[in-house]
């Protein structure tokens, strides 16, 4: 059994508002699919974020259809899940169109059953089905992106409950803490390693844009955890080259990032990386103590950047009066670099910090847990608001954890941080009651927590059989 594992394509993105970047994202996707088809894979996995937005433009849909036609013509099924960028709160999305055209098979929780050559489904509750892919005897399970409080609800682990006893491949678009180190998701992960369901031969993951793998010997799970990363360089942290020119350097240092962009061809659940030709992306850091020094160094490093590259140039140092980026924007207009932009970390005067407090000293365990839940995209937060409120209410019912400790004096001794609770509740003046003849005064009753008007698929599944 041989398959391709692709993730984080982000079709339709015009990075830096540059139209040529749209073509870059499309080009590497086409290259990846062509290489997968040429390798004669049995199927292709796209682990979320095929599109950059949930409502892609007609042009983006057209281009996606043209690329996905390549495996369809060869009889190669493509299995997908929705990532955080291309998911929608509506029951119908662009993936339904692609399914209708026979280009992809979307797996996860659905309102309608699916059955065919490459799909099976099982009824979980009224109008709720678990849909998975199949190729021969191999099952391909998965779930679209969800926030942490949608997946971990108190003592209920939705993933472990949903995929209990399942085997084959599990495809998720989530950030796992074990592989999120040194990424934007390091402190904003979706799942801990121990929260993943065991029993799968391969975990096809998306969401983290850098390539990461972990073998069963490292994790204790039954199969490898694999992130192929994004096909294009989506952030300065993924730069192909780094140029450093500090105040102590006589000439700039050019460092090459050897982590190429691409995807995996997986045979017998052993992944082998296949690179694609992403555009060169240079991250440049220039340090100086004056505007003149910074300008000279910027002009010097520009000769080291190829004409077809993207360059993000960060200015650093202590410069009297600071700098204005407007003074640098036209500096490289004749350099021939395809696109460049400046960022500034220059300060007008040195700022020194005398002490550094740890996270545990700044926040209690409760506060750290709450912040972890809140570190999501505003769109995702609004979509999962009812789940967050349910989690918050349940957390309060369990009681607040003990407060963290804070430093005391200069001795380094620590004392518990106590919350100030008033001995008596403040008196609130109640409005005067007006009684109507023949009517008895109603006693205060505890109002039930209202159910969300538009429950998600997970909500409906968890509430199955409940009034």
Protein backbone atom coordinates (compact mmCIF):
# COMPACT_ATOMS: atom_id res chain seq x y z
CA UNK A 1 0.00 0.00 0.00
CA UNK A 2 1.44 3.35 -1.07
CA UNK A 3 -0.09 6.80 -0.63
CA UNK A 4 0.76 10.52 -0.67
CA UNK A 5 0.34 12.73 2.39
CA UNK A 6 -0.11 16.44 1.60
CA UNK A 7 -1.19 19.24 3.97
CA UNK A 8 -1.61 23.02 4.22
CA UNK A 9 -1.85 23.88 0.53
CA UNK A 10 -3.63 27.24 1.10
CA UNK A 11 -4.82 27.64 -2.47
CA UNK A 12 -5.94 31.17 -3.28
CA UNK A 13 -3.55 32.99 -0.97
CA UNK A 14 -1.94 36.17 -2.26
CA UNK A 15 0.74 36.52 0.40
CA UNK A 16 1.87 40.12 1.07
CA UNK A 17 -1.03 41.14 -1.24
CA UNK A 18 1.12 40.08 -4.19
CA UNK A 19 -0.79 38.40 -7.07
CA UNK A 20 2.29 36.38 -8.11
CA UNK A 21 2.08 34.53 -4.78
CA UNK A 22 -1.29 33.10 -5.87
CA UNK A 23 0.51 31.41 -8.76
CA UNK A 24 3.26 30.14 -6.42
CA UNK A 25 0.80 28.32 -4.16
CA UNK A 26 -1.00 26.82 -7.15
CA UNK A 27 2.24 25.77 -8.86
CA UNK A 28 3.61 23.78 -5.91
CA UNK A 29 0.24 22.06 -5.40
CA UNK A 30 0.19 20.98 -9.02
CA UNK A 31 3.80 19.80 -8.72
CA UNK A 32 2.99 17.73 -5.61
CA UNK A 33 -0.05 16.07 -7.18
CA UNK A 34 1.82 15.36 -10.42
CA UNK A 35 4.67 13.71 -8.48
CA UNK A 36 2.19 11.65 -6.45
CA UNK A 37 0.44 10.44 -9.59
CA UNK A 38 3.77 9.64 -11.25
CA UNK A 39 4.76 7.60 -8.18
CA UNK A 40 1.66 5.47 -8.83
CA UNK A 41 0.20 5.91 -5.35
CA UNK A 42 -2.97 4.07 -4.36
CA UNK A 43 -4.55 7.20 -2.90
CA UNK A 44 -3.79 10.79 -1.77
CA UNK A 45 -4.47 12.41 1.61
CA UNK A 46 -4.91 16.18 2.02
CA UNK A 47 -4.84 16.82 5.77
CA UNK A 48 -6.65 20.16 5.88
CA UNK A 49 -6.31 23.72 4.59
CA UNK A 50 -6.59 22.87 0.92
CA UNK A 51 -7.95 26.41 0.57
CA UNK A 52 -6.83 29.57 2.33
CA UNK A 53 -10.39 30.74 3.01
CA UNK A 54 -13.69 28.92 3.47
CA UNK A 55 -15.23 30.78 0.51
CA UNK A 56 -12.60 30.52 -2.22
CA UNK A 57 -12.95 32.63 -5.34
CA UNK A 58 -14.32 31.10 -8.56
CA UNK A 59 -10.80 31.24 -9.98
CA UNK A 60 -9.42 29.28 -7.02
CA UNK A 61 -12.15 26.64 -7.32
CA UNK A 62 -11.48 26.31 -11.05
CA UNK A 63 -7.76 25.82 -10.46
CA UNK A 64 -8.39 23.27 -7.70
CA UNK A 65 -10.69 21.31 -10.00
CA UNK A 66 -8.08 21.27 -12.78
CA UNK A 67 -5.36 19.91 -10.47
CA UNK A 68 -7.60 17.35 -8.77
CA UNK A 69 -8.65 16.06 -12.19
CA UNK A 70 -5.13 14.61 -12.57
CA UNK A 71 -5.53 11.82 -9.97
CA UNK A 72 -9.20 11.28 -10.84
CA UNK A 73 -8.30 10.41 -14.43
CA UNK A 74 -5.92 7.75 -13.10
CA UNK A 75 -8.52 6.32 -10.72
CA UNK A 76 -6.62 7.56 -7.64
CA UNK A 77 -9.01 8.64 -4.83
CA UNK A 78 -8.25 11.80 -2.85
CA UNK A 79 -9.37 11.88 0.80
CA UNK A 80 -9.68 15.25 2.57
CA UNK A 81 -10.62 16.91 5.85
CA UNK A 82 -11.36 20.58 6.42
CA UNK A 83 -8.68 22.63 8.18
CA UNK A 84 -9.22 25.76 10.25
CA UNK A 85 -8.84 27.95 7.16
CA UNK A 86 -11.26 26.19 4.84
CA UNK A 87 -13.89 24.89 7.30
CA UNK A 88 -17.27 26.53 7.54
CA UNK A 89 -20.04 26.53 10.14
CA UNK A 90 -22.52 25.77 7.35
CA UNK A 91 -23.44 22.22 6.50
CA UNK A 92 -22.53 22.79 2.86
CA UNK A 93 -19.06 23.92 1.78
CA UNK A 94 -16.86 23.97 -1.30
CA UNK A 95 -15.83 20.40 -0.42
CA UNK A 96 -19.39 19.27 -1.20
CA UNK A 97 -18.93 20.66 -4.71
CA UNK A 98 -15.63 18.81 -5.13
CA UNK A 99 -17.27 15.61 -3.85
CA UNK A 100 -20.18 16.06 -6.24
CA UNK A 101 -17.67 16.28 -9.10
CA UNK A 102 -16.04 13.05 -7.93
CA UNK A 103 -12.73 14.77 -7.16
CA UNK A 104 -12.42 14.19 -3.40
CA UNK A 105 -13.91 12.16 -0.56
CA UNK A 106 -14.35 14.18 2.63
CA UNK A 107 -14.31 12.17 5.85
CA UNK A 108 -15.54 12.91 9.37
CA UNK A 109 -18.95 13.66 10.89
CA UNK A 110 -21.73 14.16 8.33
CA UNK A 111 -25.49 14.59 8.28
CA UNK A 112 -25.94 12.13 5.43
CA UNK A 113 -24.59 8.58 5.16
CA UNK A 114 -21.97 7.79 2.54
CA UNK A 115 -21.45 4.44 0.89
CA UNK A 116 -19.51 3.57 -2.22
CA UNK A 117 -16.29 2.16 -3.59
CA UNK A 118 -14.13 4.45 -1.43
CA UNK A 119 -16.43 5.40 1.47
CA UNK A 120 -18.34 3.84 4.35
CA UNK A 121 -20.38 5.32 7.18
CA UNK A 122 -21.94 4.43 10.51
CA UNK A 123 -24.96 6.04 12.14
CA UNK A 124 -24.09 7.60 15.50
CA UNK A 125 -27.31 9.44 16.30
CA UNK A 126 -30.23 11.03 14.54
CA UNK A 127 -28.92 12.76 11.38
CA UNK A 128 -25.31 12.17 12.43
CA UNK A 129 -22.95 9.73 10.71
CA UNK A 130 -19.29 8.92 11.01
CA UNK A 131 -17.87 8.73 7.48
CA UNK A 132 -14.51 7.18 6.63
CA UNK A 133 -12.57 6.28 3.53
CA UNK A 134 -11.56 2.82 2.43
CA UNK A 135 -9.07 1.44 -0.04
CA UNK A 136 -9.19 -2.34 -0.09
CA UNK A 137 -9.10 -3.45 3.55
CA UNK A 138 -7.52 -0.20 4.77
CA UNK A 139 -9.72 2.32 6.61
CA UNK A 140 -8.97 6.05 6.57
CA UNK A 141 -10.56 7.89 9.49
CA UNK A 142 -10.43 11.56 10.28
CA UNK A 143 -12.10 14.69 11.60
CA UNK A 144 -12.02 18.29 10.50
CA UNK A 145 -10.26 20.90 12.64
CA UNK A 146 -11.82 21.63 16.04
CA UNK A 147 -10.78 23.82 18.95
CA UNK A 148 -9.38 22.23 22.08
CA UNK A 149 -12.51 22.78 24.18
CA UNK A 150 -14.55 21.04 21.46
CA UNK A 151 -12.30 17.97 21.63
CA UNK A 152 -11.51 17.77 25.35
CA UNK A 153 -14.60 18.37 27.48
CA UNK A 154 -13.78 17.78 31.09
CA UNK A 155 -13.36 14.02 31.45
CA UNK A 156 -14.62 13.35 27.92
CA UNK A 157 -12.03 12.91 25.18
CA UNK A 158 -14.08 13.18 21.99
CA UNK A 159 -11.40 11.69 19.73
CA UNK A 160 -10.87 8.61 21.87
CA UNK A 161 -14.62 8.09 22.17
CA UNK A 162 -15.28 8.65 18.48
CA UNK A 163 -12.47 6.42 17.16
CA UNK A 164 -12.47 3.72 19.83
CA UNK A 165 -11.46 0.41 18.28
CA UNK A 166 -10.73 1.95 14.86
CA UNK A 167 -7.64 0.98 12.87
CA UNK A 168 -5.79 2.08 9.74
CA UNK A 169 -5.01 5.79 9.21
CA UNK A 170 -6.14 8.75 11.32
CA UNK A 171 -6.11 12.14 9.57
CA UNK A 172 -6.34 15.28 11.74
CA UNK A 173 -5.72 19.01 11.32
CA UNK A 174 -4.60 19.79 14.88
CA UNK A 175 -1.43 20.99 16.64
CA UNK A 176 0.00 18.27 18.91
CA UNK A 177 2.09 19.65 21.77
CA UNK A 178 4.83 17.02 21.35
CA UNK A 179 5.65 18.28 17.84
CA UNK A 180 4.72 21.95 18.25
CA UNK A 181 7.98 23.11 19.85
CA UNK A 182 9.51 26.19 18.21
CA UNK A 183 6.35 26.80 16.17
CA UNK A 184 3.53 29.37 16.62
CA UNK A 185 1.53 26.57 18.26
CA UNK A 186 4.04 25.83 21.02
CA UNK A 187 1.84 27.46 23.67
CA UNK A 188 -1.42 27.22 21.72
CA UNK A 189 -1.60 23.52 20.89
CA UNK A 190 -4.91 21.72 20.35
CA UNK A 191 -4.03 18.33 21.82
CA UNK A 192 -1.52 16.75 24.14
CA UNK A 193 0.26 13.64 22.92
CA UNK A 194 -1.54 11.43 25.45
CA UNK A 195 -4.93 12.64 24.19
CA UNK A 196 -4.53 11.00 20.78
CA UNK A 197 -6.40 7.71 20.26
CA UNK A 198 -4.09 4.71 19.92
CA UNK A 199 -4.34 1.82 17.48
CA UNK A 200 -3.66 3.53 14.14
CA UNK A 201 -0.81 2.55 11.82
CA UNK A 202 -0.24 6.12 10.60
CA UNK A 203 -1.26 9.56 11.88
CA UNK A 204 -1.58 11.92 8.90
CA UNK A 205 -1.46 15.41 10.41
CA UNK A 206 -1.75 18.97 9.19
CA UNK A 207 -1.80 22.50 10.70
CA UNK A 208 1.86 22.87 11.71
CA UNK A 209 3.61 24.35 8.66
CA UNK A 210 7.03 22.82 9.28
CA UNK A 211 8.00 19.20 8.69
CA UNK A 212 7.84 17.10 11.86
CA UNK A 213 7.76 13.35 12.51
CA UNK A 214 7.75 11.17 15.63
CA UNK A 215 8.20 7.41 15.65
CA UNK A 216 6.22 4.99 17.86
CA UNK A 217 9.36 4.43 19.95
CA UNK A 218 9.24 8.14 20.87
CA UNK A 219 5.51 8.50 21.50
CA UNK A 220 4.31 5.09 22.63
CA UNK A 221 1.58 5.16 19.96
CA UNK A 222 1.04 2.40 17.44
CA UNK A 223 2.11 4.41 14.38
CA UNK A 224 4.23 7.42 13.38
CA UNK A 225 2.99 11.01 13.79
CA UNK A 226 3.72 12.93 10.60
CA UNK A 227 3.42 16.60 9.61
CA UNK A 228 4.59 17.22 6.01
CA UNK A 229 4.41 21.00 6.55
CA UNK A 230 3.00 23.52 4.08
CA UNK A 231 3.86 23.29 0.38
CA UNK A 232 4.86 26.95 0.18
CA UNK A 233 6.68 29.16 2.68
CA UNK A 234 3.86 30.87 4.52
CA UNK A 235 5.82 32.73 7.21
CA UNK A 236 9.21 34.33 7.77
CA UNK A 237 9.98 31.53 10.26
CA UNK A 238 9.95 29.13 7.31
CA UNK A 239 12.52 31.12 5.33
CA UNK A 240 14.80 29.15 3.00
CA UNK A 241 17.77 31.41 3.84
CA UNK A 242 18.79 33.57 6.79
CA UNK A 243 21.17 36.52 6.46
CA UNK A 244 22.63 37.91 9.69
CA UNK A 245 24.58 41.16 9.82
CA UNK A 246 25.15 42.13 13.43
CA UNK A 247 27.09 45.09 14.78
CA UNK A 248 30.09 42.81 15.41
CA UNK A 249 30.18 41.31 11.90
CA UNK A 250 32.55 42.65 9.29
CA UNK A 251 30.46 41.06 6.56
CA UNK A 252 27.03 39.40 6.47
CA UNK A 253 26.57 35.71 7.24
CA UNK A 254 24.35 33.66 4.94
CA UNK A 255 22.78 30.57 6.48
CA UNK A 256 20.73 28.12 4.44
CA UNK A 257 17.71 26.42 5.91
CA UNK A 258 17.97 22.85 4.68
CA UNK A 259 14.34 22.06 5.44
CA UNK A 260 12.80 21.89 1.99
CA UNK A 261 9.09 22.21 1.31
CA UNK A 262 7.09 19.27 0.04
CA UNK A 263 5.05 16.21 1.05
CA UNK A 264 5.44 12.52 1.87
CA UNK A 265 5.12 9.37 -0.17
CA UNK A 266 4.27 6.66 2.36
CA UNK A 267 4.84 2.97 1.61
CA UNK A 268 4.00 0.34 4.24
CA UNK A 269 3.44 3.26 6.64
CA UNK A 270 7.04 4.45 6.27
CA UNK A 271 7.15 8.08 5.03
CA UNK A 272 9.70 9.33 2.50
CA UNK A 273 9.92 13.06 1.87
CA UNK A 274 9.48 14.48 -1.64
CA UNK A 275 10.44 18.11 -2.20
CA UNK A 276 8.76 20.75 -4.36
CA UNK A 277 10.22 23.94 -5.81
CA UNK A 278 8.97 26.63 -3.46
CA UNK A 279 10.08 30.21 -4.11
CA UNK A 280 13.30 31.29 -2.30
CA UNK A 281 12.42 33.19 0.88
CA UNK A 282 15.10 35.24 2.67
CA UNK A 283 14.88 36.44 6.25
CA UNK A 284 17.41 39.26 6.73
CA UNK A 285 18.39 40.76 10.09
CA UNK A 286 20.55 43.87 10.01
CA UNK A 287 21.84 45.57 13.16
CA UNK A 288 23.25 49.09 13.37
CA UNK A 289 23.68 52.07 15.66
CA UNK A 290 22.76 54.75 13.11
CA UNK A 291 20.53 55.22 10.08
CA UNK A 292 23.56 55.53 7.83
CA UNK A 293 24.99 52.23 9.07
CA UNK A 294 21.68 50.44 8.59
CA UNK A 295 21.29 51.79 5.04
CA UNK A 296 24.82 50.77 4.10
CA UNK A 297 24.34 47.25 5.43
CA UNK A 298 20.97 46.82 3.72
CA UNK A 299 22.48 47.80 0.37
CA UNK A 300 25.34 45.37 0.98
CA UNK A 301 23.13 42.35 1.74
CA UNK A 302 20.84 43.06 -1.22
CA UNK A 303 23.52 41.70 -3.58
CA UNK A 304 23.25 38.33 -1.80
CA UNK A 305 19.51 37.94 -2.50
CA UNK A 306 18.52 36.42 -5.89
CA UNK A 307 16.16 38.34 -8.16
CA UNK A 308 13.32 35.81 -7.95
CA UNK A 309 13.29 35.74 -4.14
CA UNK A 310 11.13 37.19 -1.41
CA UNK A 311 12.97 39.10 1.32
CA UNK A 312 11.77 40.21 4.75
CA UNK A 313 14.37 42.61 6.15
CA UNK A 314 14.31 43.33 9.89
CA UNK A 315 16.20 46.36 11.18
CA UNK A 316 17.63 46.09 14.69
CA UNK A 317 19.69 48.16 17.07
CA UNK A 318 19.63 51.27 19.22
CA UNK A 319 19.40 54.42 17.11
CA UNK A 320 18.90 57.86 18.59
CA UNK A 321 15.44 59.04 17.62
CA UNK A 322 14.57 55.65 16.11
CA UNK A 323 13.96 55.06 12.40
CA UNK A 324 11.06 55.38 10.01
CA UNK A 325 10.50 52.52 7.58
CA UNK A 326 9.46 55.08 4.97
CA UNK A 327 13.15 56.04 4.81
CA UNK A 328 14.05 52.49 3.71
CA UNK A 329 11.15 51.40 1.52
CA UNK A 330 12.67 52.77 -1.71
CA UNK A 331 16.21 51.73 -0.90
CA UNK A 332 16.08 48.48 -2.92
CA UNK A 333 13.69 49.50 -5.69
CA UNK A 334 16.38 48.93 -8.33
CA UNK A 335 17.73 45.70 -6.82
CA UNK A 336 15.55 43.42 -8.95
CA UNK A 337 14.33 41.42 -5.92
CA UNK A 338 10.85 40.09 -6.73
CA UNK A 339 9.37 41.35 -3.46
CA UNK A 340 10.82 42.82 -0.28
CA UNK A 341 9.47 44.42 2.86
CA UNK A 342 11.02 46.05 5.93
CA UNK A 343 10.26 45.49 9.59
CA UNK A 344 11.73 47.41 12.50
CA UNK A 345 12.97 46.37 15.92
CA UNK A 346 14.98 49.53 16.33
CA UNK A 347 14.58 51.35 19.64
CA UNK A 348 15.40 54.93 20.47
CA UNK A 349 17.06 54.02 23.75
CA UNK A 350 18.11 50.87 25.54
CA UNK A 351 15.50 49.27 27.77
CA UNK A 352 16.86 46.88 30.39
CA UNK A 353 14.82 44.38 32.36
CA UNK A 354 16.17 43.73 35.86
CA UNK A 355 14.29 40.54 36.50
CA UNK A 356 12.40 37.87 34.63
CA UNK A 357 9.36 36.15 36.10
CA UNK A 358 8.42 32.64 35.10
CA UNK A 359 5.05 31.74 33.66
CA UNK A 360 4.14 29.96 36.91
CA UNK A 361 4.88 33.14 38.90
CA UNK A 362 2.78 35.33 36.62
CA UNK A 363 -0.28 33.09 36.21
CA UNK A 364 -2.11 30.48 38.26
CA UNK A 365 -2.79 27.05 36.80
CA UNK A 366 -6.39 28.14 36.17
CA UNK A 367 -5.29 31.29 34.33
CA UNK A 368 -2.81 29.37 32.16
CA UNK A 369 -5.50 26.86 31.19
CA UNK A 370 -7.93 29.65 30.34
CA UNK A 371 -5.35 31.50 28.22
CA UNK A 372 -4.59 28.29 26.34
CA UNK A 373 -8.25 28.01 25.35
CA UNK A 374 -8.43 31.66 24.32
CA UNK A 375 -5.37 31.59 22.04
CA UNK A 376 -7.32 30.81 18.89
CA UNK A 377 -8.32 32.69 15.78
CA UNK A 378 -11.34 34.98 16.43
CA UNK A 379 -13.27 33.10 13.73
CA UNK A 380 -12.68 29.77 15.47
CA UNK A 381 -13.62 31.25 18.85
CA UNK A 382 -16.98 32.51 17.58
CA UNK A 383 -17.73 29.16 15.95
CA UNK A 384 -17.04 27.25 19.16
CA UNK A 385 -18.45 29.80 21.62
CA UNK A 386 -21.16 27.49 22.98
CA UNK A 387 -18.58 24.75 23.65
CA UNK A 388 -16.28 27.25 25.38
CA UNK A 389 -19.10 28.47 27.65
CA UNK A 390 -19.98 24.86 28.51
CA UNK A 391 -16.34 24.15 29.35
CA UNK A 392 -16.10 27.31 31.45
CA UNK A 393 -19.26 26.50 33.43
CA UNK A 394 -18.04 22.95 34.05
CA UNK A 395 -14.64 24.26 35.17
CA UNK A 396 -16.27 26.52 37.75
CA UNK A 397 -18.43 23.66 39.00
CA UNK A 398 -15.31 21.63 39.72
CA UNK A 399 -13.89 24.48 41.75
CA UNK A 400 -10.93 26.77 41.28
CA UNK A 401 -7.45 25.17 41.59
CA UNK A 402 -4.97 26.34 44.18
CA UNK A 403 -3.30 29.58 43.30
CA UNK A 404 0.26 29.71 42.05
CA UNK A 405 3.11 30.94 44.22
CA UNK A 406 4.75 34.32 43.96
CA UNK A 407 8.14 35.55 45.16
CA UNK A 408 8.28 37.11 48.62
CA UNK A 409 10.88 39.74 49.37
CA UNK A 410 14.50 39.18 48.44
CA UNK A 411 14.84 35.80 50.15
CA UNK A 412 13.30 33.88 47.29
CA UNK A 413 10.69 32.32 49.62
CA UNK A 414 7.31 31.77 48.06
CA UNK A 415 3.90 32.23 49.53
CA UNK A 416 0.58 31.20 48.04
CA UNK A 417 -1.26 33.86 46.14
CA UNK A 418 -4.68 34.19 47.77
CA UNK A 419 -7.75 35.53 46.12
CA UNK A 420 -9.47 38.30 48.03
CA UNK A 421 -12.98 37.18 48.92
CA UNK A 422 -15.27 39.53 50.84
CA UNK A 423 -16.51 38.12 54.16
CA UNK A 424 -20.03 39.18 53.39
CA UNK A 425 -21.62 39.66 50.03
CA UNK A 426 -22.44 43.31 49.34
CA UNK A 427 -26.05 44.21 49.82
CA UNK A 428 -27.90 45.02 46.66
CA UNK A 429 -31.01 47.10 46.83
CA UNK A 430 -33.79 45.11 45.26
CA UNK A 431 -36.53 46.79 43.25
CA UNK A 432 -39.88 47.13 44.99
CA UNK A 433 -42.23 44.28 44.20
CA UNK A 434 -45.68 44.93 42.91
CA UNK A 435 -48.22 42.20 43.52
CA UNK A 436 -51.14 41.63 41.24
CA UNK A 437 -54.48 40.63 42.79
CA UNK A 438 -55.02 36.87 42.72
CA UNK A 439 -51.38 36.18 41.77
CA UNK A 440 -48.92 34.50 44.11
CA UNK A 441 -45.31 35.56 44.12
CA UNK A 442 -43.20 33.11 42.11
CA UNK A 443 -40.19 31.57 43.78
CA UNK A 444 -36.82 31.94 42.15
CA UNK A 445 -36.01 28.88 40.13
CA UNK A 446 -32.65 27.84 38.71
CA UNK A 447 -32.79 28.37 34.97
CA UNK A 448 -31.33 25.60 32.81
CA UNK A 449 -28.35 26.43 30.61
CA UNK A 450 -29.82 27.01 27.11
CA UNK A 451 -28.64 24.76 24.34
CA UNK A 452 -26.85 26.44 21.42
CA UNK A 453 -29.14 27.37 18.55
CA UNK A 454 -26.80 25.93 15.95
CA UNK A 455 -25.03 22.93 17.52
CA UNK A 456 -21.95 21.60 15.82
CA UNK A 457 -21.52 18.04 14.63
CA UNK A 458 -19.66 17.21 17.83
CA UNK A 459 -22.44 18.76 19.91
CA UNK A 460 -25.07 16.67 18.21
CA UNK A 461 -23.05 13.48 18.60
CA UNK A 462 -22.27 14.06 22.28
CA UNK A 463 -25.92 14.80 23.05
CA UNK A 464 -27.26 11.71 21.30
CA UNK A 465 -30.03 10.07 23.27
CA UNK A 466 -30.36 13.07 25.58
CA UNK A 467 -33.55 15.21 25.79
